[in-house]
């Protein structure tokens, strides 16, 4: 029985056991509740990356992130609903 559930939808099988709802919804809640912490962590990561890796690497990673961010909002964006449950 468990194997059949896993074969049908591995992601749902995993999130239903770890977290109880889709991880994208959990991450959205954490982002909206602790925005300043996320921004501080991302900023600090960027500073450290720039210090240790150099401009070309930071630019490559930044452009890759920008493309993913744009695609995420253009094609997969949906309205934020606090504590949204999975299907």
N, C-alpha and C. Protein backbone atom coordinates (compact mmCIF):
# COMPACT_ATOMS: atom_id res chain seq x y z
N UNK A 1 0.82 -1.19 0.00
CA UNK A 1 0.00 0.00 0.00
C UNK A 1 0.87 1.26 0.00
N UNK A 2 1.85 1.34 0.84
CA UNK A 2 2.71 2.51 0.92
C UNK A 2 3.49 2.70 -0.37
N UNK A 3 3.95 1.62 -0.97
CA UNK A 3 4.72 1.70 -2.21
C UNK A 3 3.88 2.26 -3.36
N UNK A 4 2.60 1.87 -3.43
CA UNK A 4 1.71 2.38 -4.47
C UNK A 4 1.49 3.88 -4.33
N UNK A 5 1.34 4.37 -3.10
CA UNK A 5 1.21 5.81 -2.88
C UNK A 5 2.46 6.53 -3.34
N UNK A 6 3.63 5.96 -3.02
CA UNK A 6 4.89 6.57 -3.41
C UNK A 6 5.04 6.63 -4.92
N UNK A 7 4.67 5.55 -5.60
CA UNK A 7 4.80 5.51 -7.06
C UNK A 7 3.87 6.53 -7.74
N UNK A 8 2.69 6.75 -7.19
CA UNK A 8 1.74 7.68 -7.79
C UNK A 8 2.20 9.13 -7.67
N UNK A 9 2.68 9.53 -6.50
CA UNK A 9 3.11 10.91 -6.28
C UNK A 9 4.16 10.94 -5.17
N UNK A 10 5.44 10.79 -5.53
CA UNK A 10 6.49 10.73 -4.51
C UNK A 10 6.57 12.00 -3.65
N UNK A 11 6.38 13.17 -4.26
CA UNK A 11 6.45 14.41 -3.49
C UNK A 11 5.35 14.48 -2.44
N UNK A 12 4.11 14.13 -2.81
CA UNK A 12 3.01 14.15 -1.85
C UNK A 12 3.24 13.12 -0.75
N UNK A 13 3.75 11.97 -1.11
CA UNK A 13 4.04 10.93 -0.13
C UNK A 13 5.04 11.46 0.89
N UNK A 14 6.06 12.21 0.42
CA UNK A 14 7.09 12.72 1.31
C UNK A 14 6.58 13.87 2.18
N UNK A 15 5.93 14.89 1.57
CA UNK A 15 5.49 16.02 2.39
C UNK A 15 4.39 15.65 3.35
N UNK A 16 3.58 14.65 3.02
CA UNK A 16 2.52 14.26 3.96
C UNK A 16 3.10 13.61 5.21
N UNK A 17 4.33 13.13 5.12
CA UNK A 17 5.00 12.53 6.28
C UNK A 17 5.94 13.51 6.97
N UNK A 18 6.45 14.49 6.23
CA UNK A 18 7.36 15.49 6.80
C UNK A 18 6.74 16.86 6.60
N UNK A 19 6.11 17.38 7.59
CA UNK A 19 5.51 18.71 7.53
C UNK A 19 4.00 18.71 7.44
N UNK A 20 3.42 17.69 6.84
CA UNK A 20 1.97 17.57 6.78
C UNK A 20 1.29 18.37 5.68
N UNK A 21 2.01 19.18 4.95
CA UNK A 21 1.47 19.93 3.83
C UNK A 21 2.62 20.29 2.89
N UNK A 22 2.33 20.71 1.66
CA UNK A 22 3.41 20.98 0.71
C UNK A 22 4.45 21.97 1.27
N UNK A 23 5.71 21.69 1.00
CA UNK A 23 6.79 22.51 1.55
C UNK A 23 6.77 23.92 0.99
N UNK A 24 6.27 24.11 -0.23
CA UNK A 24 6.19 25.46 -0.78
C UNK A 24 5.26 26.32 0.09
N UNK A 25 4.20 25.74 0.61
CA UNK A 25 3.29 26.49 1.47
C UNK A 25 3.96 26.81 2.81
N UNK A 26 4.71 25.85 3.33
CA UNK A 26 5.42 26.08 4.59
C UNK A 26 6.45 27.18 4.41
N UNK A 27 7.21 27.14 3.31
CA UNK A 27 8.21 28.18 3.06
C UNK A 27 7.56 29.55 2.87
N UNK A 28 6.41 29.60 2.21
CA UNK A 28 5.70 30.88 2.06
C UNK A 28 5.33 31.45 3.42
N UNK A 29 4.83 30.62 4.31
CA UNK A 29 4.46 31.09 5.65
C UNK A 29 5.68 31.62 6.39
N UNK A 30 6.79 30.88 6.32
CA UNK A 30 8.01 31.31 7.00
C UNK A 30 8.51 32.62 6.41
N UNK A 31 8.46 32.77 5.08
CA UNK A 31 8.90 34.00 4.44
C UNK A 31 8.06 35.19 4.92
N UNK A 32 6.74 35.04 4.94
CA UNK A 32 5.88 36.15 5.32
C UNK A 32 5.95 36.48 6.80
N UNK A 33 6.27 35.52 7.63
CA UNK A 33 6.35 35.78 9.08
C UNK A 33 7.70 36.33 9.49
N UNK A 34 8.77 35.99 8.75
CA UNK A 34 10.12 36.38 9.14
C UNK A 34 10.89 37.00 7.97
N UNK A 35 10.28 37.96 7.27
CA UNK A 35 10.90 38.55 6.08
C UNK A 35 12.25 39.17 6.39
N UNK A 36 12.36 39.90 7.48
CA UNK A 36 13.61 40.58 7.81
C UNK A 36 14.75 39.58 8.02
N UNK A 37 14.45 38.46 8.65
CA UNK A 37 15.48 37.43 8.86
C UNK A 37 15.94 36.88 7.52
N UNK A 38 15.01 36.57 6.62
CA UNK A 38 15.38 36.05 5.30
C UNK A 38 16.23 37.06 4.55
N UNK A 39 15.83 38.32 4.56
CA UNK A 39 16.58 39.35 3.84
C UNK A 39 17.99 39.48 4.42
N UNK A 40 18.12 39.45 5.74
CA UNK A 40 19.44 39.54 6.37
C UNK A 40 20.31 38.35 5.99
N UNK A 41 19.74 37.15 5.97
CA UNK A 41 20.51 35.95 5.62
C UNK A 41 20.94 36.00 4.15
N UNK A 42 20.02 36.40 3.27
CA UNK A 42 20.35 36.47 1.84
C UNK A 42 21.42 37.54 1.60
N UNK A 43 21.29 38.69 2.26
CA UNK A 43 22.27 39.77 2.11
C UNK A 43 23.64 39.32 2.60
N UNK A 44 23.68 38.70 3.78
CA UNK A 44 24.94 38.21 4.33
C UNK A 44 25.56 37.16 3.43
N UNK A 45 24.74 36.27 2.89
CA UNK A 45 25.24 35.26 1.95
C UNK A 45 25.84 35.91 0.72
N UNK A 46 25.19 36.96 0.20
CA UNK A 46 25.72 37.67 -0.96
C UNK A 46 27.04 38.35 -0.67
N UNK A 47 27.15 38.96 0.51
CA UNK A 47 28.41 39.61 0.88
C UNK A 47 29.53 38.58 0.99
N UNK A 48 29.26 37.48 1.66
CA UNK A 48 30.28 36.43 1.80
C UNK A 48 30.65 35.82 0.45
N UNK A 49 29.66 35.60 -0.40
CA UNK A 49 29.92 35.06 -1.73
C UNK A 49 30.80 36.03 -2.53
N UNK A 50 30.47 37.30 -2.47
CA UNK A 50 31.26 38.30 -3.18
C UNK A 50 32.68 38.39 -2.65
N UNK A 51 32.84 38.25 -1.35
CA UNK A 51 34.17 38.34 -0.74
C UNK A 51 35.05 37.14 -1.11
N UNK A 52 34.48 35.96 -1.12
CA UNK A 52 35.28 34.75 -1.32
C UNK A 52 35.30 34.22 -2.75
N UNK A 53 34.33 34.58 -3.58
CA UNK A 53 34.23 33.94 -4.90
C UNK A 53 34.53 34.87 -6.07
N UNK A 54 34.44 36.15 -5.90
CA UNK A 54 34.74 37.06 -6.99
C UNK A 54 33.51 37.48 -7.78
N UNK A 55 33.69 38.54 -8.57
CA UNK A 55 32.58 39.19 -9.27
C UNK A 55 31.92 38.29 -10.30
N UNK A 56 32.71 37.59 -11.10
CA UNK A 56 32.13 36.77 -12.18
C UNK A 56 31.21 35.67 -11.62
N UNK A 57 31.63 35.02 -10.58
CA UNK A 57 30.82 33.97 -9.96
C UNK A 57 29.54 34.55 -9.37
N UNK A 58 29.66 35.68 -8.68
CA UNK A 58 28.49 36.31 -8.09
C UNK A 58 27.51 36.74 -9.17
N UNK A 59 28.02 37.30 -10.27
CA UNK A 59 27.17 37.72 -11.37
C UNK A 59 26.46 36.52 -12.00
N UNK A 60 27.16 35.42 -12.21
CA UNK A 60 26.57 34.21 -12.79
C UNK A 60 25.46 33.66 -11.88
N UNK A 61 25.72 33.58 -10.60
CA UNK A 61 24.72 33.08 -9.66
C UNK A 61 23.54 34.05 -9.59
N UNK A 62 23.81 35.34 -9.58
CA UNK A 62 22.75 36.34 -9.53
C UNK A 62 21.85 36.29 -10.74
N UNK A 63 22.43 36.16 -11.93
CA UNK A 63 21.62 36.06 -13.15
C UNK A 63 20.81 34.77 -13.18
N UNK A 64 21.39 33.68 -12.73
CA UNK A 64 20.65 32.41 -12.66
C UNK A 64 19.47 32.53 -11.71
N UNK A 65 19.70 33.16 -10.56
CA UNK A 65 18.62 33.36 -9.60
C UNK A 65 17.54 34.26 -10.18
N UNK A 66 17.93 35.33 -10.87
CA UNK A 66 16.98 36.26 -11.46
C UNK A 66 16.09 35.56 -12.48
N UNK A 67 16.67 34.73 -13.32
CA UNK A 67 15.89 34.00 -14.32
C UNK A 67 14.90 33.06 -13.63
N UNK A 68 15.35 32.33 -12.62
CA UNK A 68 14.45 31.46 -11.88
C UNK A 68 13.34 32.22 -11.18
N UNK A 69 13.69 33.36 -10.62
CA UNK A 69 12.70 34.20 -9.94
C UNK A 69 11.63 34.70 -10.91
N UNK A 70 12.07 35.17 -12.07
CA UNK A 70 11.12 35.64 -13.08
C UNK A 70 10.22 34.53 -13.59
N UNK A 71 10.81 33.37 -13.90
CA UNK A 71 10.01 32.25 -14.36
C UNK A 71 9.02 31.81 -13.27
N UNK A 72 9.45 31.81 -12.04
CA UNK A 72 8.56 31.43 -10.95
C UNK A 72 7.36 32.33 -10.84
N UNK A 73 7.56 33.62 -11.05
CA UNK A 73 6.44 34.56 -10.96
C UNK A 73 5.60 34.60 -12.23
N UNK A 74 6.21 34.38 -13.36
CA UNK A 74 5.46 34.44 -14.61
C UNK A 74 4.61 33.20 -14.83
N UNK A 75 5.15 32.04 -14.50
CA UNK A 75 4.49 30.79 -14.87
C UNK A 75 3.86 30.04 -13.71
N UNK A 76 4.39 30.20 -12.50
CA UNK A 76 3.89 29.39 -11.40
C UNK A 76 3.39 30.21 -10.23
N UNK A 77 3.25 31.49 -10.39
CA UNK A 77 2.80 32.33 -9.29
C UNK A 77 1.35 32.09 -8.94
N UNK A 78 1.05 32.17 -7.68
CA UNK A 78 -0.34 32.09 -7.23
C UNK A 78 -0.48 32.98 -6.00
N UNK A 79 -1.68 33.32 -5.69
CA UNK A 79 -1.95 34.20 -4.56
C UNK A 79 -1.54 33.53 -3.26
N UNK A 80 -0.91 34.30 -2.38
CA UNK A 80 -0.51 33.79 -1.07
C UNK A 80 -1.73 33.64 -0.17
N UNK A 81 -1.87 32.47 0.44
CA UNK A 81 -2.94 32.19 1.38
C UNK A 81 -2.26 31.64 2.64
N UNK A 82 -2.39 32.34 3.75
CA UNK A 82 -1.72 31.93 4.98
C UNK A 82 -2.22 30.55 5.43
N UNK A 83 -1.28 29.71 5.85
CA UNK A 83 -1.56 28.34 6.31
C UNK A 83 -2.33 27.51 5.28
N UNK A 84 -2.01 27.72 4.01
CA UNK A 84 -2.68 26.96 2.94
C UNK A 84 -2.37 25.48 3.07
N UNK A 85 -3.36 24.65 2.88
CA UNK A 85 -3.21 23.20 3.01
C UNK A 85 -3.04 22.58 1.62
N UNK A 86 -2.48 21.38 1.58
CA UNK A 86 -2.31 20.68 0.31
C UNK A 86 -3.60 20.06 -0.18
N UNK A 87 -3.58 19.67 -1.43
CA UNK A 87 -4.77 19.04 -2.03
C UNK A 87 -4.93 17.60 -1.57
